[in-house]
Each structure stands twice: as structure tokens, then as C-alpha cells.
Amino acid sequence: MKFLRVGICALVALGVATHGGVEEWARAILETGAGLLFLAWSLRVYLKREEKIFFSPLLLPLAGLSLIVLGQLLFRSTVSPFHTRIELLLLLTDLIVLFLAVQAFETLEDWRGFVWFGTIFGFLVSLFAILQHLTSNGKLYWFREIRSGGMPFGPYVNRNHFAGFVELVLPLALIPLVLSRVRRERRPAVGLFAVILIWPSYSLHRAEAS
């Protein structure tokens, strides 16, 4: 399911590029994109009845949390029904994307491709963050004003969000190196990707400490 793998990678990249998907318009794009991918997958399964549906134990905690939030809405035990509904939509989007990832990435080769995507994408985002840090004018992407305060770093308004992004992406570069799963001729490139990922977070830590 190449189209599904490409669509998931595009959603991940879009979520990061739109300031981490924290604003309403960005969330709407992610939720709509996930819904369209699920619809496309459902039509494929319906038309090709020999397609197998896979399940993963990783889906259970997220599904359980979604049910708890749904129960809060149904039994009116939440302080803010509106915000609970918004977060439930985001949880369902995450659940859909994770479910589709289980269907799309079936083989070791598929997952290897995703690791390379994540590593290269993380490298490019970190490179952009370094460039922005050196030439920053206090605006997101050098043109968007930040009305709620904050200092942009890469595509994120909150520097902690960028650090969280690095924590998620860095293992994709480090684990293959530690386990010697990278070809010898590719190790310098993967090592460079890891260093570029680490450097911005290290700089942020030093800036906050000082």
C-alpha cells in the first residue's frame, strides 16, 4: 500500500510544518487528511476483498483512552465539553493514523523506508531550526507574527515542542547505528543526521540554563 505509506509520511510532515498541529486550522487539516486516508483504505479493502486487516496491541491503550474521553462526554462528567470534544477528535485522528500505519508498514523493508524518512525529515527540520535561530527576526518562518508570545524555533512556537520532536526522531538515527544496522558507507551520513538533530536541543538547553 504505497499510497498509504506516502499519505502517512505526508501527514507527519504536514503536522510538523504547521507549527506542530496545535492551531485549529492545522488540526482540521490533519483530521481531514486522516479521514480521507481511512476512506481510501476502506474503499481499497472493499474492492479488493483479499486484503488482510492487521491489528496491533499498541492500538489498545489509545482506543481505551478514547473510550474514557467519550464516556466523559456521554455522561457529562467533564468540566469543558467543548475542549473534551476537540481533544477526542485529535485522539481519534491519532488512532486512525496508527491503525493505518499497521496496515501500510507490513514488511521490514517498509519500516526501513519509514526510518529513513523520519531521519532525513528530522535532519531537515533541525537544519531549518538552526538557520532560523541564526537569522531570526522573531517571526515564524520569518514572516508570521507571534501574538501570544514565545520565541520560534524551527516550525514551532514553543521550544519545548521542538525538543519533544527531536526526542521522537533521534532514536530513528541512533538505534540503527548502535545495532550496526546501517551499511558502512552510510554510517557517516546517519551520524551527521544524528549530530544535527542533537545540536539544536543542546543549544536550547544551554540558553535556558544561562
N, C-alpha and C. Protein backbone atom coordinates (compact mmCIF):
# COMPACT_ATOMS: atom_id res chain seq x y z
N MET A 1 0.83 -1.19 0.00
CA MET A 1 0.00 0.00 0.00
C MET A 1 0.87 1.25 0.00
N LYS A 2 1.51 1.46 -1.12
CA LYS A 2 2.44 2.57 -1.21
C LYS A 2 1.73 3.90 -1.00
N PHE A 3 0.51 4.05 -1.55
CA PHE A 3 -0.21 5.32 -1.41
C PHE A 3 -0.48 5.63 0.06
N LEU A 4 -0.71 4.58 0.86
CA LEU A 4 -0.99 4.77 2.28
C LEU A 4 0.28 5.18 3.02
N ARG A 5 1.39 4.58 2.69
CA ARG A 5 2.66 4.95 3.31
C ARG A 5 3.04 6.38 2.98
N VAL A 6 2.86 6.76 1.72
CA VAL A 6 3.16 8.13 1.31
C VAL A 6 2.23 9.11 2.03
N GLY A 7 0.95 8.75 2.14
CA GLY A 7 -0.02 9.62 2.80
C GLY A 7 0.30 9.82 4.28
N ILE A 8 0.71 8.76 4.97
CA ILE A 8 1.06 8.87 6.39
C ILE A 8 2.29 9.74 6.57
N CYS A 9 3.30 9.54 5.75
CA CYS A 9 4.51 10.36 5.82
C CYS A 9 4.17 11.83 5.54
N ALA A 10 3.27 12.07 4.58
CA ALA A 10 2.87 13.44 4.27
C ALA A 10 2.14 14.08 5.45
N LEU A 11 1.29 13.31 6.14
CA LEU A 11 0.59 13.84 7.31
C LEU A 11 1.56 14.19 8.43
N VAL A 12 2.56 13.32 8.64
CA VAL A 12 3.57 13.59 9.67
C VAL A 12 4.32 14.88 9.35
N ALA A 13 4.75 15.02 8.09
CA ALA A 13 5.48 16.22 7.69
C ALA A 13 4.61 17.46 7.80
N LEU A 14 3.34 17.33 7.41
CA LEU A 14 2.43 18.46 7.48
C LEU A 14 2.15 18.87 8.92
N GLY A 15 2.03 17.87 9.80
CA GLY A 15 1.79 18.18 11.20
C GLY A 15 2.92 18.98 11.82
N VAL A 16 4.15 18.65 11.47
CA VAL A 16 5.32 19.39 11.98
C VAL A 16 5.41 20.77 11.35
N ALA A 17 5.21 20.84 10.04
CA ALA A 17 5.36 22.10 9.32
C ALA A 17 4.32 23.13 9.74
N THR A 18 3.13 22.69 10.14
CA THR A 18 2.08 23.62 10.56
C THR A 18 2.16 23.88 12.06
N HIS A 19 3.37 24.20 12.52
CA HIS A 19 3.63 24.58 13.92
C HIS A 19 3.27 23.47 14.90
N GLY A 20 3.46 22.22 14.47
CA GLY A 20 3.17 21.10 15.36
C GLY A 20 1.71 20.73 15.42
N GLY A 21 0.89 21.33 14.55
CA GLY A 21 -0.53 21.00 14.53
C GLY A 21 -1.29 21.43 15.77
N VAL A 22 -0.86 22.52 16.40
CA VAL A 22 -1.51 22.94 17.65
C VAL A 22 -2.65 23.93 17.42
N GLU A 23 -2.69 24.55 16.26
CA GLU A 23 -3.74 25.53 15.99
C GLU A 23 -4.94 24.85 15.34
N GLU A 24 -6.10 25.52 15.42
CA GLU A 24 -7.35 24.91 14.97
C GLU A 24 -7.30 24.54 13.48
N TRP A 25 -6.79 25.44 12.64
CA TRP A 25 -6.74 25.17 11.21
C TRP A 25 -5.81 24.02 10.89
N ALA A 26 -4.70 23.92 11.64
CA ALA A 26 -3.76 22.83 11.41
C ALA A 26 -4.36 21.49 11.84
N ARG A 27 -5.06 21.51 12.98
CA ARG A 27 -5.73 20.28 13.42
C ARG A 27 -6.79 19.85 12.41
N ALA A 28 -7.51 20.81 11.87
CA ALA A 28 -8.55 20.48 10.89
C ALA A 28 -7.95 19.80 9.66
N ILE A 29 -6.78 20.29 9.22
CA ILE A 29 -6.11 19.68 8.07
C ILE A 29 -5.69 18.25 8.39
N LEU A 30 -5.11 18.05 9.57
CA LEU A 30 -4.66 16.70 9.95
C LEU A 30 -5.84 15.74 10.09
N GLU A 31 -6.90 16.20 10.73
CA GLU A 31 -8.06 15.33 10.93
C GLU A 31 -8.73 14.99 9.61
N THR A 32 -8.83 15.98 8.72
CA THR A 32 -9.41 15.73 7.40
C THR A 32 -8.53 14.79 6.59
N GLY A 33 -7.21 15.01 6.64
CA GLY A 33 -6.29 14.13 5.92
C GLY A 33 -6.35 12.70 6.41
N ALA A 34 -6.41 12.52 7.74
CA ALA A 34 -6.51 11.17 8.28
C ALA A 34 -7.82 10.50 7.86
N GLY A 35 -8.91 11.28 7.87
CA GLY A 35 -10.20 10.74 7.44
C GLY A 35 -10.20 10.32 5.99
N LEU A 36 -9.57 11.12 5.12
CA LEU A 36 -9.51 10.79 3.70
C LEU A 36 -8.65 9.56 3.46
N LEU A 37 -7.55 9.43 4.20
CA LEU A 37 -6.72 8.23 4.07
C LEU A 37 -7.48 6.98 4.52
N PHE A 38 -8.23 7.12 5.62
CA PHE A 38 -9.02 5.98 6.09
C PHE A 38 -10.10 5.60 5.08
N LEU A 39 -10.72 6.60 4.46
CA LEU A 39 -11.73 6.34 3.44
C LEU A 39 -11.12 5.63 2.24
N ALA A 40 -9.94 6.10 1.80
CA ALA A 40 -9.27 5.48 0.65
C ALA A 40 -8.89 4.04 0.97
N TRP A 41 -8.39 3.80 2.18
CA TRP A 41 -8.05 2.43 2.57
C TRP A 41 -9.29 1.55 2.63
N SER A 42 -10.39 2.08 3.18
CA SER A 42 -11.62 1.30 3.28
C SER A 42 -12.14 0.91 1.90
N LEU A 43 -12.09 1.84 0.95
CA LEU A 43 -12.53 1.52 -0.41
C LEU A 43 -11.65 0.46 -1.04
N ARG A 44 -10.35 0.54 -0.80
CA ARG A 44 -9.43 -0.46 -1.34
C ARG A 44 -9.75 -1.85 -0.78
N VAL A 45 -9.98 -1.90 0.54
CA VAL A 45 -10.30 -3.19 1.16
C VAL A 45 -11.62 -3.74 0.64
N TYR A 46 -12.60 -2.84 0.42
CA TYR A 46 -13.90 -3.28 -0.08
C TYR A 46 -13.81 -3.80 -1.52
N LEU A 47 -13.03 -3.12 -2.35
CA LEU A 47 -12.92 -3.52 -3.75
C LEU A 47 -12.01 -4.74 -3.93
N LYS A 48 -10.99 -4.84 -3.09
CA LYS A 48 -10.09 -6.00 -3.14
C LYS A 48 -10.30 -6.81 -1.87
N ARG A 49 -11.22 -7.72 -1.93
CA ARG A 49 -11.66 -8.42 -0.72
C ARG A 49 -10.60 -9.35 -0.15
N GLU A 50 -9.53 -9.58 -0.89
CA GLU A 50 -8.48 -10.45 -0.37
C GLU A 50 -7.52 -9.70 0.55
N GLU A 51 -7.69 -8.37 0.68
CA GLU A 51 -6.83 -7.60 1.56
C GLU A 51 -7.02 -8.03 3.02
N LYS A 52 -5.91 -8.17 3.74
CA LYS A 52 -5.96 -8.55 5.15
C LYS A 52 -5.95 -7.31 6.03
N ILE A 53 -6.63 -7.42 7.16
CA ILE A 53 -6.65 -6.34 8.14
C ILE A 53 -5.83 -6.79 9.36
N PHE A 54 -4.85 -5.98 9.72
CA PHE A 54 -3.96 -6.32 10.82
C PHE A 54 -4.30 -5.47 12.05
N PHE A 55 -4.10 -6.07 13.21
CA PHE A 55 -4.30 -5.35 14.47
C PHE A 55 -3.03 -5.43 15.30
N SER A 56 -2.79 -4.40 16.09
CA SER A 56 -1.60 -4.35 16.93
C SER A 56 -2.01 -4.06 18.38
N PRO A 57 -1.32 -4.67 19.34
CA PRO A 57 -1.60 -4.35 20.76
C PRO A 57 -1.39 -2.88 21.09
N LEU A 58 -0.58 -2.18 20.28
CA LEU A 58 -0.34 -0.75 20.52
C LEU A 58 -1.60 0.08 20.35
N LEU A 59 -2.59 -0.46 19.65
CA LEU A 59 -3.84 0.27 19.44
C LEU A 59 -4.71 0.29 20.69
N LEU A 60 -4.54 -0.70 21.55
CA LEU A 60 -5.44 -0.85 22.69
C LEU A 60 -5.38 0.31 23.68
N PRO A 61 -4.19 0.76 24.13
CA PRO A 61 -4.17 1.89 25.08
C PRO A 61 -4.81 3.15 24.52
N LEU A 62 -4.54 3.46 23.25
CA LEU A 62 -5.12 4.67 22.66
C LEU A 62 -6.62 4.52 22.49
N ALA A 63 -7.06 3.32 22.11
CA ALA A 63 -8.51 3.08 21.99
C ALA A 63 -9.18 3.17 23.36
N GLY A 64 -8.53 2.64 24.40
CA GLY A 64 -9.09 2.72 25.75
C GLY A 64 -9.21 4.15 26.24
N LEU A 65 -8.18 4.95 25.97
CA LEU A 65 -8.22 6.37 26.37
C LEU A 65 -9.32 7.10 25.62
N SER A 66 -9.51 6.79 24.36
CA SER A 66 -10.58 7.41 23.57
C SER A 66 -11.95 7.06 24.14
N LEU A 67 -12.12 5.82 24.58
CA LEU A 67 -13.39 5.41 25.18
C LEU A 67 -13.65 6.14 26.49
N ILE A 68 -12.60 6.36 27.27
CA ILE A 68 -12.76 7.09 28.53
C ILE A 68 -13.22 8.52 28.26
N VAL A 69 -12.59 9.17 27.28
CA VAL A 69 -12.98 10.54 26.93
C VAL A 69 -14.39 10.58 26.39
N LEU A 70 -14.75 9.59 25.56
CA LEU A 70 -16.11 9.51 25.04
C LEU A 70 -17.12 9.34 26.18
N GLY A 71 -16.76 8.52 27.17
CA GLY A 71 -17.63 8.33 28.33
C GLY A 71 -17.83 9.62 29.11
N GLN A 72 -16.78 10.43 29.22
CA GLN A 72 -16.91 11.72 29.90
C GLN A 72 -17.91 12.62 29.18
N LEU A 73 -17.90 12.56 27.86
CA LEU A 73 -18.85 13.37 27.10
C LEU A 73 -20.27 12.85 27.26
N LEU A 74 -20.44 11.55 27.15
CA LEU A 74 -21.78 10.97 27.20
C LEU A 74 -22.42 11.14 28.58
N PHE A 75 -21.61 11.01 29.63
CA PHE A 75 -22.14 11.11 30.99
C PHE A 75 -21.97 12.51 31.59
N ARG A 76 -21.53 13.45 30.74
CA ARG A 76 -21.40 14.86 31.14
C ARG A 76 -20.60 15.03 32.42
N SER A 77 -19.47 14.32 32.48
CA SER A 77 -18.61 14.40 33.66
C SER A 77 -17.35 15.21 33.38
N THR A 78 -17.39 16.03 32.33
CA THR A 78 -16.24 16.86 32.01
C THR A 78 -16.55 18.32 32.31
N VAL A 79 -15.55 19.05 32.71
CA VAL A 79 -15.72 20.47 33.05
C VAL A 79 -15.98 21.29 31.80
N SER A 80 -15.32 20.94 30.69
CA SER A 80 -15.46 21.68 29.45
C SER A 80 -15.78 20.72 28.30
N PRO A 81 -17.06 20.51 28.02
CA PRO A 81 -17.44 19.59 26.94
C PRO A 81 -16.83 19.97 25.59
N PHE A 82 -16.72 21.27 25.32
CA PHE A 82 -16.18 21.70 24.03
C PHE A 82 -14.73 21.24 23.86
N HIS A 83 -13.88 21.53 24.86
CA HIS A 83 -12.48 21.15 24.77
C HIS A 83 -12.31 19.63 24.80
N THR A 84 -13.16 18.95 25.55
CA THR A 84 -13.11 17.49 25.57
C THR A 84 -13.43 16.92 24.20
N ARG A 85 -14.41 17.51 23.53
CA ARG A 85 -14.77 17.07 22.18
C ARG A 85 -13.63 17.31 21.19
N ILE A 86 -12.96 18.45 21.33
CA ILE A 86 -11.83 18.76 20.44
C ILE A 86 -10.70 17.75 20.64
N GLU A 87 -10.40 17.45 21.90
CA GLU A 87 -9.31 16.51 22.18
C GLU A 87 -9.70 15.09 21.77
N LEU A 88 -10.98 14.76 21.86
CA LEU A 88 -11.42 13.44 21.41
C LEU A 88 -11.21 13.28 19.91
N LEU A 89 -11.49 14.32 19.16
CA LEU A 89 -11.25 14.28 17.71
C LEU A 89 -9.77 14.06 17.41
N LEU A 90 -8.91 14.70 18.19
CA LEU A 90 -7.47 14.53 17.99
C LEU A 90 -7.04 13.11 18.36
N LEU A 91 -7.60 12.57 19.43
CA LEU A 91 -7.29 11.19 19.82
C LEU A 91 -7.71 10.21 18.74
N LEU A 92 -8.90 10.42 18.19
CA LEU A 92 -9.39 9.53 17.13
C LEU A 92 -8.52 9.65 15.88
N THR A 93 -8.04 10.86 15.61
CA THR A 93 -7.13 11.04 14.47
C THR A 93 -5.85 10.25 14.69
N ASP A 94 -5.29 10.34 15.89
CA ASP A 94 -4.08 9.57 16.20
C ASP A 94 -4.34 8.07 16.08
N LEU A 95 -5.50 7.64 16.55
CA LEU A 95 -5.86 6.22 16.49
C LEU A 95 -5.98 5.76 15.04
N ILE A 96 -6.59 6.58 14.20
CA ILE A 96 -6.74 6.23 12.78
C ILE A 96 -5.38 6.14 12.10
N VAL A 97 -4.52 7.11 12.36
CA VAL A 97 -3.19 7.12 11.72
C VAL A 97 -2.38 5.90 12.17
N LEU A 98 -2.43 5.58 13.47
CA LEU A 98 -1.71 4.41 13.97
C LEU A 98 -2.27 3.12 13.36
N PHE A 99 -3.59 3.04 13.27
CA PHE A 99 -4.21 1.85 12.65
C PHE A 99 -3.79 1.71 11.19
N LEU A 100 -3.80 2.83 10.46
CA LEU A 100 -3.40 2.78 9.05
C LEU A 100 -1.92 2.44 8.91
N ALA A 101 -1.09 2.90 9.86
CA ALA A 101 0.33 2.56 9.81
C ALA A 101 0.55 1.06 9.96
N VAL A 102 -0.26 0.43 10.81
CA VAL A 102 -0.17 -1.03 10.97
C VAL A 102 -0.52 -1.73 9.65
N GLN A 103 -1.47 -1.19 8.92
CA GLN A 103 -1.86 -1.79 7.63
C GLN A 103 -0.82 -1.50 6.55
N ALA A 104 -0.21 -0.33 6.58
CA ALA A 104 0.66 0.10 5.48
C ALA A 104 2.07 -0.45 5.59
N PHE A 105 2.62 -0.48 6.82
CA PHE A 105 4.00 -0.92 7.00
C PHE A 105 4.00 -2.38 7.44
N GLU A 106 4.05 -3.25 6.47
CA GLU A 106 3.93 -4.68 6.75
C GLU A 106 5.28 -5.37 6.84
N THR A 107 6.22 -4.99 6.03
CA THR A 107 7.50 -5.69 5.94
C THR A 107 8.62 -4.87 6.57
N LEU A 108 9.75 -5.55 6.77
CA LEU A 108 10.94 -4.86 7.29
C LEU A 108 11.40 -3.78 6.34
N GLU A 109 11.26 -4.01 5.05
CA GLU A 109 11.65 -3.02 4.06
C GLU A 109 10.78 -1.77 4.17
N ASP A 110 9.48 -1.97 4.44
CA ASP A 110 8.58 -0.82 4.62
C ASP A 110 9.02 0.02 5.81
N TRP A 111 9.31 -0.64 6.93
CA TRP A 111 9.72 0.09 8.12
C TRP A 111 11.09 0.74 7.95
N ARG A 112 11.96 0.09 7.19
CA ARG A 112 13.26 0.70 6.91
C ARG A 112 13.08 2.01 6.14
N GLY A 113 12.15 2.00 5.19
CA GLY A 113 11.85 3.23 4.45
C GLY A 113 11.32 4.32 5.35
N PHE A 114 10.48 3.95 6.34
CA PHE A 114 9.94 4.94 7.26
C PHE A 114 11.04 5.50 8.16
N VAL A 115 11.97 4.65 8.59
CA VAL A 115 13.09 5.11 9.42
C VAL A 115 13.94 6.12 8.65
N TRP A 116 14.20 5.84 7.38
CA TRP A 116 14.96 6.78 6.56
C TRP A 116 14.20 8.08 6.37
N PHE A 117 12.88 7.97 6.16
CA PHE A 117 12.08 9.19 6.03
C PHE A 117 12.16 10.02 7.30
N GLY A 118 11.95 9.39 8.46
CA GLY A 118 11.97 10.11 9.72
C GLY A 118 13.33 10.74 10.01
N THR A 119 14.40 10.00 9.70
CA THR A 119 15.74 10.51 9.95
C THR A 119 16.06 11.72 9.07
N ILE A 120 15.77 11.59 7.79
CA ILE A 120 16.07 12.69 6.85
C ILE A 120 15.17 13.89 7.14
N PHE A 121 13.89 13.62 7.44
CA PHE A 121 12.97 14.72 7.74
C PHE A 121 13.39 15.45 9.01
N GLY A 122 13.77 14.69 10.05
CA GLY A 122 14.24 15.31 11.27
C GLY A 122 15.49 16.13 11.05
N PHE A 123 16.39 15.63 10.20
CA PHE A 123 17.61 16.37 9.85
C PHE A 123 17.26 17.70 9.18
N LEU A 124 16.31 17.68 8.23
CA LEU A 124 15.95 18.89 7.51
C LEU A 124 15.28 19.91 8.44
N VAL A 125 14.41 19.43 9.34
CA VAL A 125 13.75 20.34 10.29
C VAL A 125 14.77 20.96 11.23
N SER A 126 15.73 20.15 11.71
CA SER A 126 16.77 20.68 12.60
C SER A 126 17.65 21.67 11.87
N LEU A 127 17.96 21.38 10.62
CA LEU A 127 18.77 22.31 9.82
C LEU A 127 18.04 23.63 9.64
N PHE A 128 16.73 23.55 9.39
CA PHE A 128 15.92 24.75 9.28
C PHE A 128 15.89 25.53 10.59
N ALA A 129 15.79 24.79 11.71
CA ALA A 129 15.75 25.45 13.02
C ALA A 129 17.06 26.18 13.31
N ILE A 130 18.19 25.56 12.95
CA ILE A 130 19.49 26.21 13.15
C ILE A 130 19.58 27.48 12.31
N LEU A 131 19.17 27.38 11.05
CA LEU A 131 19.20 28.54 10.16
C LEU A 131 18.32 29.66 10.69
N GLN A 132 17.13 29.30 11.16
CA GLN A 132 16.22 30.31 11.69
C GLN A 132 16.78 30.94 12.96
N HIS A 133 17.41 30.12 13.80
CA HIS A 133 17.99 30.63 15.04
C HIS A 133 19.08 31.66 14.76
N LEU A 134 19.85 31.43 13.72
CA LEU A 134 20.95 32.33 13.38
C LEU A 134 20.48 33.60 12.69
N THR A 135 19.31 33.54 12.05
CA THR A 135 18.83 34.69 11.28
C THR A 135 17.45 35.15 11.74
N SER A 136 17.08 34.81 12.96
CA SER A 136 15.71 35.04 13.42
C SER A 136 15.38 36.54 13.53
N ASN A 137 14.16 36.86 13.11
CA ASN A 137 13.63 38.21 13.31
C ASN A 137 12.44 38.19 14.27
N GLY A 138 12.30 37.05 15.00
CA GLY A 138 11.22 36.92 15.96
C GLY A 138 9.90 36.47 15.38
N LYS A 139 9.88 36.09 14.10
CA LYS A 139 8.65 35.68 13.43
C LYS A 139 8.76 34.23 12.97
N LEU A 140 7.63 33.54 12.95
CA LEU A 140 7.59 32.18 12.42
C LEU A 140 7.81 32.22 10.91
N TYR A 141 8.71 31.39 10.44
CA TYR A 141 9.06 31.36 9.01
C TYR A 141 9.45 32.75 8.51
N TRP A 142 9.92 33.58 9.39
CA TRP A 142 10.41 34.94 9.09
C TRP A 142 9.31 35.92 8.63
N PHE A 143 8.05 35.51 8.66
CA PHE A 143 7.02 36.45 8.20
C PHE A 143 5.76 36.44 9.07
N ARG A 144 5.54 35.42 9.89
CA ARG A 144 4.30 35.37 10.67
C ARG A 144 4.54 35.87 12.08
N GLU A 145 3.78 36.89 12.46
CA GLU A 145 3.89 37.46 13.80
C GLU A 145 3.36 36.48 14.84
N ILE A 146 4.00 36.46 16.02
CA ILE A 146 3.55 35.64 17.14
C ILE A 146 2.84 36.54 18.12
N ARG A 147 1.53 36.42 18.20
CA ARG A 147 0.74 37.32 19.03
C ARG A 147 0.67 36.88 20.48
N SER A 148 0.86 35.59 20.73
CA SER A 148 0.72 35.08 22.10
C SER A 148 2.05 34.98 22.82
N GLY A 149 3.09 35.55 22.25
CA GLY A 149 4.40 35.49 22.87
C GLY A 149 5.15 34.21 22.49
N GLY A 150 6.39 34.14 22.92
CA GLY A 150 7.19 32.97 22.62
C GLY A 150 8.32 33.30 21.66
N MET A 151 9.26 32.38 21.56
CA MET A 151 10.40 32.54 20.67
C MET A 151 10.41 31.36 19.71
N PRO A 152 10.19 31.57 18.43
CA PRO A 152 10.10 30.45 17.48
C PRO A 152 11.42 29.72 17.34
N PHE A 153 11.33 28.44 17.17
CA PHE A 153 12.50 27.61 16.89
C PHE A 153 12.07 26.56 15.89
N GLY A 154 12.55 26.69 14.66
CA GLY A 154 12.05 25.82 13.60
C GLY A 154 10.60 26.17 13.32
N PRO A 155 9.76 25.19 13.06
CA PRO A 155 8.35 25.47 12.79
C PRO A 155 7.51 25.64 14.05
N TYR A 156 8.13 25.55 15.23
CA TYR A 156 7.39 25.55 16.49
C TYR A 156 7.46 26.92 17.18
N VAL A 157 6.35 27.27 17.81
CA VAL A 157 6.32 28.48 18.65
C VAL A 157 6.99 28.19 19.99
N ASN A 158 6.71 27.02 20.53
CA ASN A 158 7.24 26.61 21.84
C ASN A 158 8.50 25.78 21.63
N ARG A 159 9.60 26.20 22.22
CA ARG A 159 10.86 25.48 22.06
C ARG A 159 10.78 24.06 22.63
N ASN A 160 9.98 23.89 23.68
CA ASN A 160 9.83 22.56 24.26
C ASN A 160 9.20 21.58 23.28
N HIS A 161 8.33 22.10 22.41
CA HIS A 161 7.72 21.25 21.40
C HIS A 161 8.78 20.75 20.41
N PHE A 162 9.72 21.64 20.06
CA PHE A 162 10.80 21.21 19.18
C PHE A 162 11.65 20.15 19.86
N ALA A 163 11.94 20.34 21.14
CA ALA A 163 12.72 19.35 21.88
C ALA A 163 12.00 18.00 21.91
N GLY A 164 10.67 18.04 22.07
CA GLY A 164 9.89 16.81 22.03
C GLY A 164 9.96 16.13 20.68
N PHE A 165 9.94 16.94 19.62
CA PHE A 165 10.07 16.39 18.26
C PHE A 165 11.41 15.68 18.10
N VAL A 166 12.49 16.29 18.59
CA VAL A 166 13.81 15.68 18.49
C VAL A 166 13.87 14.37 19.28
N GLU A 167 13.25 14.34 20.45
CA GLU A 167 13.24 13.12 21.25
C GLU A 167 12.54 11.97 20.53
N LEU A 168 11.56 12.30 19.71
CA LEU A 168 10.86 11.26 18.96
C LEU A 168 11.65 10.79 17.74
N VAL A 169 12.36 11.71 17.10
CA VAL A 169 13.03 11.39 15.84
C VAL A 169 14.45 10.85 16.05
N LEU A 170 15.13 11.33 17.09
CA LEU A 170 16.53 10.96 17.30
C LEU A 170 16.76 9.45 17.37
N PRO A 171 15.90 8.66 18.06
CA PRO A 171 16.14 7.21 18.07
C PRO A 171 16.14 6.57 16.68
N LEU A 172 15.44 7.16 15.73
CA LEU A 172 15.44 6.61 14.38
C LEU A 172 16.83 6.63 13.76
N ALA A 173 17.65 7.60 14.16
CA ALA A 173 19.02 7.68 13.65
C ALA A 173 20.00 6.91 14.53
N LEU A 174 19.80 6.95 15.86
CA LEU A 174 20.77 6.36 16.77
C LEU A 174 20.66 4.84 16.86
N ILE A 175 19.43 4.31 16.93
CA ILE A 175 19.28 2.87 17.13
C ILE A 175 19.90 2.05 16.02
N PRO A 176 19.68 2.39 14.72
CA PRO A 176 20.36 1.60 13.68
C PRO A 176 21.88 1.67 13.78
N LEU A 177 22.42 2.83 14.22
CA LEU A 177 23.87 2.93 14.38
C LEU A 177 24.36 2.05 15.52
N VAL A 178 23.64 2.08 16.65
CA VAL A 178 24.05 1.29 17.81
C VAL A 178 23.97 -0.20 17.50
N LEU A 179 22.93 -0.61 16.78
CA LEU A 179 22.74 -2.03 16.46
C LEU A 179 23.48 -2.46 15.20
N SER A 180 24.24 -1.54 14.61
CA SER A 180 25.00 -1.83 13.39
C SER A 180 24.10 -2.32 12.26
N ARG A 181 22.97 -1.65 12.13
CA ARG A 181 22.03 -2.00 11.06
C ARG A 181 22.17 -1.09 9.85
N VAL A 182 23.21 -0.26 9.84
CA VAL A 182 23.43 0.66 8.74
C VAL A 182 24.67 0.21 7.97
N ARG A 183 24.60 0.26 6.67
CA ARG A 183 25.75 -0.11 5.85
C ARG A 183 26.93 0.81 6.16
N ARG A 184 28.13 0.26 6.03
CA ARG A 184 29.32 1.00 6.41
C ARG A 184 29.44 2.33 5.67
N GLU A 185 29.11 2.33 4.37
CA GLU A 185 29.26 3.56 3.60
C GLU A 185 28.22 4.60 3.96
N ARG A 186 27.13 4.19 4.65
CA ARG A 186 26.08 5.13 5.04
C ARG A 186 26.24 5.64 6.47
N ARG A 187 27.11 5.05 7.25
CA ARG A 187 27.25 5.43 8.66
C ARG A 187 27.64 6.89 8.85
N PRO A 188 28.58 7.45 8.08
CA PRO A 188 28.89 8.88 8.27
C PRO A 188 27.68 9.79 8.05
N ALA A 189 26.85 9.46 7.04
CA ALA A 189 25.66 10.29 6.78
C ALA A 189 24.67 10.19 7.92
N VAL A 190 24.42 8.97 8.41
CA VAL A 190 23.47 8.79 9.52
C VAL A 190 24.02 9.45 10.79
N GLY A 191 25.33 9.34 11.01
CA GLY A 191 25.94 10.01 12.16
C GLY A 191 25.79 11.51 12.08
N LEU A 192 25.96 12.07 10.88
CA LEU A 192 25.77 13.52 10.69
C LEU A 192 24.33 13.91 10.98
N PHE A 193 23.37 13.10 10.52
CA PHE A 193 21.96 13.38 10.79
C PHE A 193 21.72 13.43 12.30
N ALA A 194 22.30 12.49 13.04
CA ALA A 194 22.10 12.43 14.49
C ALA A 194 22.71 13.66 15.18
N VAL A 195 23.90 14.06 14.74
CA VAL A 195 24.56 15.22 15.35
C VAL A 195 23.74 16.49 15.10
N ILE A 196 23.24 16.67 13.88
CA ILE A 196 22.44 17.85 13.56
C ILE A 196 21.15 17.85 14.36
N LEU A 197 20.62 16.67 14.65
CA LEU A 197 19.41 16.58 15.47
C LEU A 197 19.69 16.99 16.91
N ILE A 198 20.84 16.59 17.42
CA ILE A 198 21.17 16.83 18.83
C ILE A 198 21.56 18.28 19.07
N TRP A 199 22.26 18.90 18.14
CA TRP A 199 22.84 20.23 18.37
C TRP A 199 21.81 21.29 18.74
N PRO A 200 20.66 21.42 18.04
CA PRO A 200 19.70 22.46 18.43
C PRO A 200 19.17 22.28 19.85
N SER A 201 18.88 21.04 20.24
CA SER A 201 18.37 20.80 21.59
C SER A 201 19.43 21.14 22.64
N TYR A 202 20.68 20.83 22.33
CA TYR A 202 21.77 21.16 23.24
C TYR A 202 21.90 22.68 23.39
N SER A 203 21.76 23.39 22.27
CA SER A 203 21.84 24.86 22.30
C SER A 203 20.70 25.45 23.11
N LEU A 204 19.48 24.88 22.95
CA LEU A 204 18.34 25.36 23.72
C LEU A 204 18.57 25.15 25.21
N HIS A 205 19.11 23.99 25.57
CA HIS A 205 19.35 23.68 26.98
C HIS A 205 20.36 24.66 27.57
N ARG A 206 21.42 24.97 26.83
CA ARG A 206 22.42 25.90 27.32
C ARG A 206 21.85 27.31 27.45
N ALA A 207 20.97 27.69 26.49
CA ALA A 207 20.37 29.03 26.53
C ALA A 207 19.45 29.17 27.73
N GLU A 208 18.68 28.12 28.04
CA GLU A 208 17.78 28.17 29.19
C GLU A 208 18.56 28.15 30.50
N ALA A 209 19.67 27.41 30.52
CA ALA A 209 20.47 27.33 31.74
C ALA A 209 21.16 28.65 32.05
N SER A 210 21.52 29.38 31.01
CA SER A 210 22.19 30.67 31.24
C SER A 210 21.18 31.78 31.50
